Amino acid sequence: MSKSVSTIIVETLVAAGARRCYGIVGDTINHFTDAVRKSDLRWIHVRHEEVGALAAGGEALMTGELAVCAGTCTYLYIANLDVA
């Protein structure tokens, strides 16, 4: 059976050392969140995408490890521009 793109992305993140994914679910990332549910990656739900980006950035800064955030709109891009 072939793998979905979402499954491959999640497997790659786990293989790279990611343990948690901060985010908010939405129609455009349902396939991704389903792949996270079936993996060892822990989903941490946040109320706003900006909070997910800030939490992942803070975790990466404090631990020196890979941190992941997921969302559905441009706030993640803006957080990236702000070096969160």
C-alpha atoms as a PDB file:
ATOM      1  CA  MET A   1       0.000   0.000   0.000  1.00  0.00           C
ATOM      2  CA  SER A   2       1.333   3.433  -0.893  1.00  0.00           C
ATOM      3  CA  LYS A   3       1.835   6.160   1.709  1.00  0.00           C
ATOM      4  CA  SER A   4       0.235   9.566   1.654  1.00  0.00           C
ATOM      5  CA  VAL A   5       2.333  12.710   1.478  1.00  0.00           C
ATOM      6  CA  SER A   6       1.184  13.610   5.000  1.00  0.00           C
ATOM      7  CA  THR A   7       2.358  10.261   6.346  1.00  0.00           C
ATOM      8  CA  ILE A   8       5.763  10.698   4.711  1.00  0.00           C
ATOM      9  CA  ILE A   9       6.093  14.214   6.153  1.00  0.00           C
ATOM     10  CA  VAL A  10       5.227  13.029   9.664  1.00  0.00           C
ATOM     11  CA  GLU A  11       7.572  10.034   9.417  1.00  0.00           C
ATOM     12  CA  THR A  12      10.353  12.378   8.291  1.00  0.00           C
ATOM     13  CA  LEU A  13       9.707  14.751  11.197  1.00  0.00           C
ATOM     14  CA  VAL A  14       9.787  11.877  13.702  1.00  0.00           C
ATOM     15  CA  ALA A  15      12.964  10.487  12.131  1.00  0.00           C
ATOM     16  CA  ALA A  16      14.533  13.955  12.454  1.00  0.00           C
ATOM     17  CA  GLY A  17      13.791  13.963  16.179  1.00  0.00           C
ATOM     18  CA  ALA A  18      10.525  15.876  16.479  1.00  0.00           C
ATOM     19  CA  ARG A  19       8.458  14.843  19.488  1.00  0.00           C
ATOM     20  CA  ARG A  20       5.636  17.379  19.555  1.00  0.00           C
ATOM     21  CA  CYS A  21       3.613  19.369  17.043  1.00  0.00           C
ATOM     22  CA  TYR A  22       1.837  22.525  18.209  1.00  0.00           C
ATOM     23  CA  GLY A  23      -1.116  23.564  16.130  1.00  0.00           C
ATOM     24  CA  ILE A  24      -4.737  24.089  15.379  1.00  0.00           C
ATOM     25  CA  VAL A  25      -6.720  21.752  13.188  1.00  0.00           C
ATOM     26  CA  GLY A  26      -8.425  22.894  10.031  1.00  0.00           C
ATOM     27  CA  ASP A  27      -9.828  21.529   6.804  1.00  0.00           C
ATOM     28  CA  THR A  28      -6.651  22.162   4.869  1.00  0.00           C
ATOM     29  CA  ILE A  29      -4.464  20.084   7.204  1.00  0.00           C
ATOM     30  CA  ASN A  30      -6.838  17.264   8.176  1.00  0.00           C
ATOM     31  CA  HIS A  31      -4.683  14.720   6.364  1.00  0.00           C
ATOM     32  CA  PHE A  32      -1.634  15.927   8.274  1.00  0.00           C
ATOM     33  CA  THR A  33      -3.331  15.828  11.681  1.00  0.00           C
ATOM     34  CA  ASP A  34      -4.614  12.324  10.927  1.00  0.00           C
ATOM     35  CA  ALA A  35      -1.058  11.214  10.116  1.00  0.00           C
ATOM     36  CA  VAL A  36       0.130  12.775  13.392  1.00  0.00           C
ATOM     37  CA  ARG A  37      -2.593  10.872  15.265  1.00  0.00           C
ATOM     38  CA  LYS A  38      -1.279   7.584  13.882  1.00  0.00           C
ATOM     39  CA  SER A  39       2.366   8.367  14.719  1.00  0.00           C
ATOM     40  CA  ASP A  40       4.600   8.834  17.756  1.00  0.00           C
ATOM     41  CA  LEU A  41       4.439  12.606  17.257  1.00  0.00           C
ATOM     42  CA  ARG A  42       2.354  14.207  20.015  1.00  0.00           C
ATOM     43  CA  TRP A  43      -0.225  16.790  18.907  1.00  0.00           C
ATOM     44  CA  ILE A  44      -0.563  19.764  21.255  1.00  0.00           C
ATOM     45  CA  HIS A  45      -3.661  21.786  20.427  1.00  0.00           C
ATOM     46  CA  VAL A  46      -3.455  25.555  20.795  1.00  0.00           C
ATOM     47  CA  ARG A  47      -6.166  28.183  20.491  1.00  0.00           C
ATOM     48  CA  HIS A  48      -4.392  30.363  17.943  1.00  0.00           C
ATOM     49  CA  GLU A  49      -1.821  29.661  15.245  1.00  0.00           C
ATOM     50  CA  GLU A  50       0.419  32.399  16.569  1.00  0.00           C
ATOM     51  CA  VAL A  51       0.596  30.571  19.911  1.00  0.00           C
ATOM     52  CA  GLY A  52       1.612  27.348  18.146  1.00  0.00           C
ATOM     53  CA  ALA A  53       4.407  29.124  16.311  1.00  0.00           C
ATOM     54  CA  LEU A  54       5.562  30.831  19.499  1.00  0.00           C
ATOM     55  CA  ALA A  55       5.444  27.572  21.496  1.00  0.00           C
ATOM     56  CA  ALA A  56       7.415  25.645  18.886  1.00  0.00           C
ATOM     57  CA  GLY A  57       9.958  28.444  18.582  1.00  0.00           C
ATOM     58  CA  GLY A  58      10.325  28.655  22.355  1.00  0.00           C
ATOM     59  CA  GLU A  59      10.712  24.894  22.684  1.00  0.00           C
ATOM     60  CA  ALA A  60      13.387  24.814  19.998  1.00  0.00           C
ATOM     61  CA  LEU A  61      15.224  27.704  21.623  1.00  0.00           C
ATOM     62  CA  MET A  62      15.104  26.208  25.130  1.00  0.00           C
ATOM     63  CA  THR A  63      15.877  22.584  24.228  1.00  0.00           C
ATOM     64  CA  GLY A  64      18.011  22.911  21.109  1.00  0.00           C
ATOM     65  CA  GLU A  65      15.798  20.244  19.529  1.00  0.00           C
ATOM     66  CA  LEU A  66      13.518  20.245  16.521  1.00  0.00           C
ATOM     67  CA  ALA A  67      10.054  21.638  17.257  1.00  0.00           C
ATOM     68  CA  VAL A  68       7.082  21.629  14.887  1.00  0.00           C
ATOM     69  CA  CYS A  69       4.040  23.829  14.438  1.00  0.00           C
ATOM     70  CA  ALA A  70       1.144  23.399  12.030  1.00  0.00           C
ATOM     71  CA  GLY A  71      -1.625  25.728  10.948  1.00  0.00           C
ATOM     72  CA  THR A  72      -3.784  26.807   8.076  1.00  0.00           C
ATOM     73  CA  CYS A  73      -2.925  30.413   7.254  1.00  0.00           C
ATOM     74  CA  THR A  74      -0.202  33.012   6.944  1.00  0.00           C
ATOM     75  CA  TYR A  75       0.374  33.572  10.663  1.00  0.00           C
ATOM     76  CA  LEU A  76       2.963  30.806  10.602  1.00  0.00           C
ATOM     77  CA  TYR A  77       4.763  32.587   7.784  1.00  0.00           C
ATOM     78  CA  ILE A  78       4.673  35.842   9.737  1.00  0.00           C
ATOM     79  CA  ALA A  79       6.042  34.077  12.830  1.00  0.00           C
ATOM     80  CA  ASN A  80       8.851  32.723  10.665  1.00  0.00           C
ATOM     81  CA  LEU A  81       9.660  36.228   9.482  1.00  0.00           C
ATOM     82  CA  ASP A  82       9.781  37.315  13.138  1.00  0.00           C
ATOM     83  CA  VAL A  83      12.274  34.475  13.800  1.00  0.00           C
ATOM     84  CA  ALA A  84       9.905  32.807  16.288  1.00  0.00           C
END
